[in-house]
């Protein structure tokens, strides 16, 4: 009963402020909505989660990744489907050499935001460092499918292919693509 009363009061207030918004939410309105006015609902911001995320950013600035992870843990408890919080936590976990946790966060980031191209690159790099070259190549290939203009993903996938038996030709092909996108990779490859 209380919820209904609160809804009715809120509906009345919203109706007084914006009749079109009130009608879109099913609230009664005496005036007709302006057909030219577009109603766009802004995403709700969880202030507490944002506060934790801001504290995490401050901790990262101070290179205190342990605190950053703790603050982002709290933010994620409040907003479990927030891709940026998970991505930021993964970056701090990487700095702390806690790759398993970073892998899990990056996989969730990609599930929540498949266009987050950096997540594929970081996943590939972690798999590479774990000598899991097949998974490395798979994740980087997904990233390349999302955005074929990221030189790092070709370079890193080339590194994976180079470590795999019978994939030297694929490695060379990826190195050439990386150089075509970013000529600075030519110097990096010469050093190897």
Protein backbone atom coordinates (compact mmCIF):
# COMPACT_ATOMS: atom_id res chain seq x y z
CA UNK A 1 0.00 0.00 0.00
CA UNK A 2 2.86 2.35 0.90
CA UNK A 3 4.56 1.68 -2.45
CA UNK A 4 1.39 2.52 -4.32
CA UNK A 5 1.07 5.82 -2.45
CA UNK A 6 4.71 6.70 -3.19
CA UNK A 7 4.21 5.82 -6.86
CA UNK A 8 1.13 8.01 -7.06
CA UNK A 9 2.93 10.96 -5.45
CA UNK A 10 5.93 10.52 -7.75
CA UNK A 11 3.63 10.21 -10.76
CA UNK A 12 1.92 13.44 -9.79
CA UNK A 13 5.24 15.27 -9.34
CA UNK A 14 6.58 13.92 -12.64
CA UNK A 15 3.31 14.92 -14.31
CA UNK A 16 3.71 18.47 -13.03
CA UNK A 17 7.28 18.65 -14.30
CA UNK A 18 6.90 16.81 -17.60
CA UNK A 19 3.43 15.64 -18.69
CA UNK A 20 4.88 13.60 -21.58
CA UNK A 21 7.09 11.65 -19.19
CA UNK A 22 4.20 11.10 -16.82
CA UNK A 23 2.02 9.68 -19.60
CA UNK A 24 4.84 7.44 -20.82
CA UNK A 25 4.89 5.94 -17.29
CA UNK A 26 1.14 5.49 -17.19
CA UNK A 27 0.40 8.41 -14.88
CA UNK A 28 -2.66 10.53 -15.50
CA UNK A 29 -2.16 13.99 -16.91
CA UNK A 30 -4.56 16.83 -17.60
CA UNK A 31 -2.46 18.30 -20.41
CA UNK A 32 -1.59 16.62 -23.67
CA UNK A 33 2.08 15.87 -24.30
CA UNK A 34 3.95 17.89 -26.88
CA UNK A 35 4.47 15.49 -29.80
CA UNK A 36 7.74 17.18 -30.70
CA UNK A 37 9.25 16.61 -27.25
CA UNK A 38 11.33 13.47 -27.11
CA UNK A 39 11.45 11.71 -23.77
CA UNK A 40 14.83 10.19 -23.07
CA UNK A 41 15.39 8.47 -19.78
CA UNK A 42 18.88 9.03 -18.44
CA UNK A 43 20.57 5.97 -17.01
CA UNK A 44 20.36 5.89 -13.25
CA UNK A 45 23.66 6.61 -11.57
CA UNK A 46 24.45 4.75 -8.40
CA UNK A 47 26.22 7.48 -6.45
CA UNK A 48 27.69 5.08 -3.91
CA UNK A 49 29.17 2.91 -6.65
CA UNK A 50 30.59 5.99 -8.37
CA UNK A 51 32.14 7.13 -5.10
CA UNK A 52 33.91 3.78 -4.75
CA UNK A 53 35.05 3.96 -8.38
CA UNK A 54 36.42 7.47 -7.85
CA UNK A 55 38.33 6.31 -4.77
CA UNK A 56 39.71 3.45 -6.88
CA UNK A 57 40.90 5.91 -9.55
CA UNK A 58 42.67 7.94 -6.86
CA UNK A 59 44.32 4.76 -5.57
CA UNK A 60 45.48 3.83 -9.08
CA UNK A 61 46.94 7.30 -9.48
CA UNK A 62 48.97 6.59 -6.32
CA UNK A 63 49.87 3.10 -7.67
CA UNK A 64 47.94 1.55 -4.78
CA UNK A 65 46.30 -1.22 -6.78
CA UNK A 66 45.37 -3.26 -3.71
CA UNK A 67 43.13 -0.42 -2.48
CA UNK A 68 41.82 0.12 -6.00
CA UNK A 69 40.72 -3.52 -6.17
CA UNK A 70 38.97 -3.24 -2.79
CA UNK A 71 37.15 -0.08 -3.82
CA UNK A 72 36.11 -1.61 -7.15
CA UNK A 73 34.93 -4.75 -5.34
CA UNK A 74 32.52 -2.50 -3.46
CA UNK A 75 31.43 -0.67 -6.61
CA UNK A 76 30.80 -3.99 -8.37
CA UNK A 77 28.74 -5.28 -5.44
CA UNK A 78 26.45 -2.30 -6.05
CA UNK A 79 26.59 -2.42 -9.86
CA UNK A 80 27.54 -5.98 -10.93
CA UNK A 81 26.82 -5.32 -14.62
CA UNK A 82 28.97 -2.18 -14.91
CA UNK A 83 31.63 -3.04 -17.51
CA UNK A 84 33.92 -0.10 -16.71
CA UNK A 85 34.24 -1.04 -13.03
CA UNK A 86 35.15 -4.60 -13.99
CA UNK A 87 37.60 -3.43 -16.63
CA UNK A 88 39.29 -1.09 -14.17
CA UNK A 89 39.50 -3.86 -11.58
CA UNK A 90 41.04 -6.17 -14.18
CA UNK A 91 43.73 -3.55 -14.91
CA UNK A 92 44.61 -3.32 -11.21
CA UNK A 93 44.59 -7.12 -10.89
CA UNK A 94 47.03 -7.29 -13.81
CA UNK A 95 49.30 -4.83 -11.99
CA UNK A 96 49.12 -7.09 -8.93
CA UNK A 97 49.94 -10.13 -11.10
CA UNK A 98 46.60 -11.74 -10.22
CA UNK A 99 45.91 -12.98 -13.72
CA UNK A 100 43.13 -15.45 -12.91
CA UNK A 101 40.97 -12.69 -11.44
CA UNK A 102 41.81 -10.37 -14.32
CA UNK A 103 40.82 -13.06 -16.84
CA UNK A 104 37.43 -13.50 -15.19
CA UNK A 105 36.76 -9.76 -15.11
CA UNK A 106 37.82 -9.29 -18.73
CA UNK A 107 35.55 -12.12 -19.84
CA UNK A 108 32.63 -10.47 -18.06
CA UNK A 109 33.55 -7.11 -19.62
CA UNK A 110 33.35 -8.65 -23.08
CA UNK A 111 30.03 -10.28 -22.21
CA UNK A 112 28.66 -6.91 -21.05
CA UNK A 113 30.31 -4.81 -23.79
CA UNK A 114 31.46 -6.86 -26.80
CA UNK A 115 32.84 -3.69 -28.41
CA UNK A 116 35.34 -3.03 -25.60
CA UNK A 117 38.32 -3.69 -27.86
CA UNK A 118 41.00 -3.25 -25.19
CA UNK A 119 39.55 -6.15 -23.21
CA UNK A 120 40.38 -8.59 -26.02
CA UNK A 121 43.96 -7.33 -26.19
CA UNK A 122 44.46 -7.70 -22.45
CA UNK A 123 42.88 -11.17 -22.47
CA UNK A 124 45.19 -12.20 -25.30
CA UNK A 125 48.23 -10.83 -23.50
CA UNK A 126 47.39 -12.69 -20.29
CA UNK A 127 46.86 -15.95 -22.18
CA UNK A 128 50.17 -15.37 -23.96
CA UNK A 129 51.98 -14.85 -20.65
CA UNK A 130 50.38 -18.10 -19.41
CA UNK A 131 51.73 -19.88 -22.53
CA UNK A 132 48.16 -20.61 -23.63
CA UNK A 133 48.78 -19.57 -27.22
CA UNK A 134 45.63 -21.13 -28.65
CA UNK A 135 43.31 -19.16 -26.32
CA UNK A 136 45.45 -16.09 -26.95
CA UNK A 137 44.89 -16.36 -30.70
CA UNK A 138 41.16 -17.02 -30.26
CA UNK A 139 40.56 -13.95 -28.07
CA UNK A 140 42.66 -11.68 -30.27
CA UNK A 141 40.80 -12.94 -33.34
CA UNK A 142 37.53 -11.92 -31.67
CA UNK A 143 38.99 -8.48 -31.01
CA UNK A 144 40.14 -8.18 -34.62
CA UNK A 145 36.63 -9.10 -35.77
CA UNK A 146 35.23 -6.24 -33.66
CA UNK A 147 37.82 -3.73 -34.88
CA UNK A 148 40.32 -4.77 -37.58
CA UNK A 149 42.30 -1.52 -37.20
CA UNK A 150 44.13 -2.25 -33.93
CA UNK A 151 47.78 -3.02 -34.68
CA UNK A 152 48.48 -4.42 -31.21
CA UNK A 153 45.95 -7.23 -31.68
CA UNK A 154 47.61 -8.34 -34.92
CA UNK A 155 51.05 -8.08 -33.35
CA UNK A 156 50.05 -10.07 -30.25
CA UNK A 157 48.20 -12.70 -32.30
CA UNK A 158 51.28 -12.97 -34.51
CA UNK A 159 53.32 -13.62 -31.36
CA UNK A 160 50.89 -16.41 -30.44
CA UNK A 161 51.06 -17.95 -33.88
CA UNK A 162 54.84 -17.71 -33.82
CA UNK A 163 54.90 -19.86 -30.67
CA UNK A 164 52.55 -22.46 -32.16
CA UNK A 165 53.82 -25.24 -34.39
CA UNK A 166 52.96 -24.87 -38.10
CA UNK A 167 51.65 -21.31 -37.80
CA UNK A 168 54.71 -19.34 -38.87
CA UNK A 169 53.01 -18.14 -42.07
CA UNK A 170 50.04 -16.83 -40.08
CA UNK A 171 52.46 -15.10 -37.71
CA UNK A 172 54.22 -13.33 -40.59
CA UNK A 173 50.88 -12.29 -42.06
CA UNK A 174 49.79 -10.76 -38.75
CA UNK A 175 53.13 -8.99 -38.27
CA UNK A 176 52.73 -7.43 -41.73
CA UNK A 177 49.21 -6.25 -40.86
CA UNK A 178 50.44 -4.76 -37.57
CA UNK A 179 53.19 -2.85 -39.40
CA UNK A 180 50.75 -1.65 -42.05
CA UNK A 181 48.51 -0.23 -39.32
CA UNK A 182 51.35 1.12 -37.17
CA UNK A 183 54.86 1.31 -38.69
CA UNK A 184 56.45 1.49 -35.23
CA UNK A 185 55.90 -2.28 -34.95
CA UNK A 186 58.62 -2.75 -37.61
CA UNK A 187 61.26 -1.57 -35.11
CA UNK A 188 59.81 -3.75 -32.39
CA UNK A 189 59.94 -6.80 -34.62
CA UNK A 190 63.52 -6.07 -35.68
CA UNK A 191 64.59 -6.11 -32.06
CA UNK A 192 63.34 -9.68 -31.64
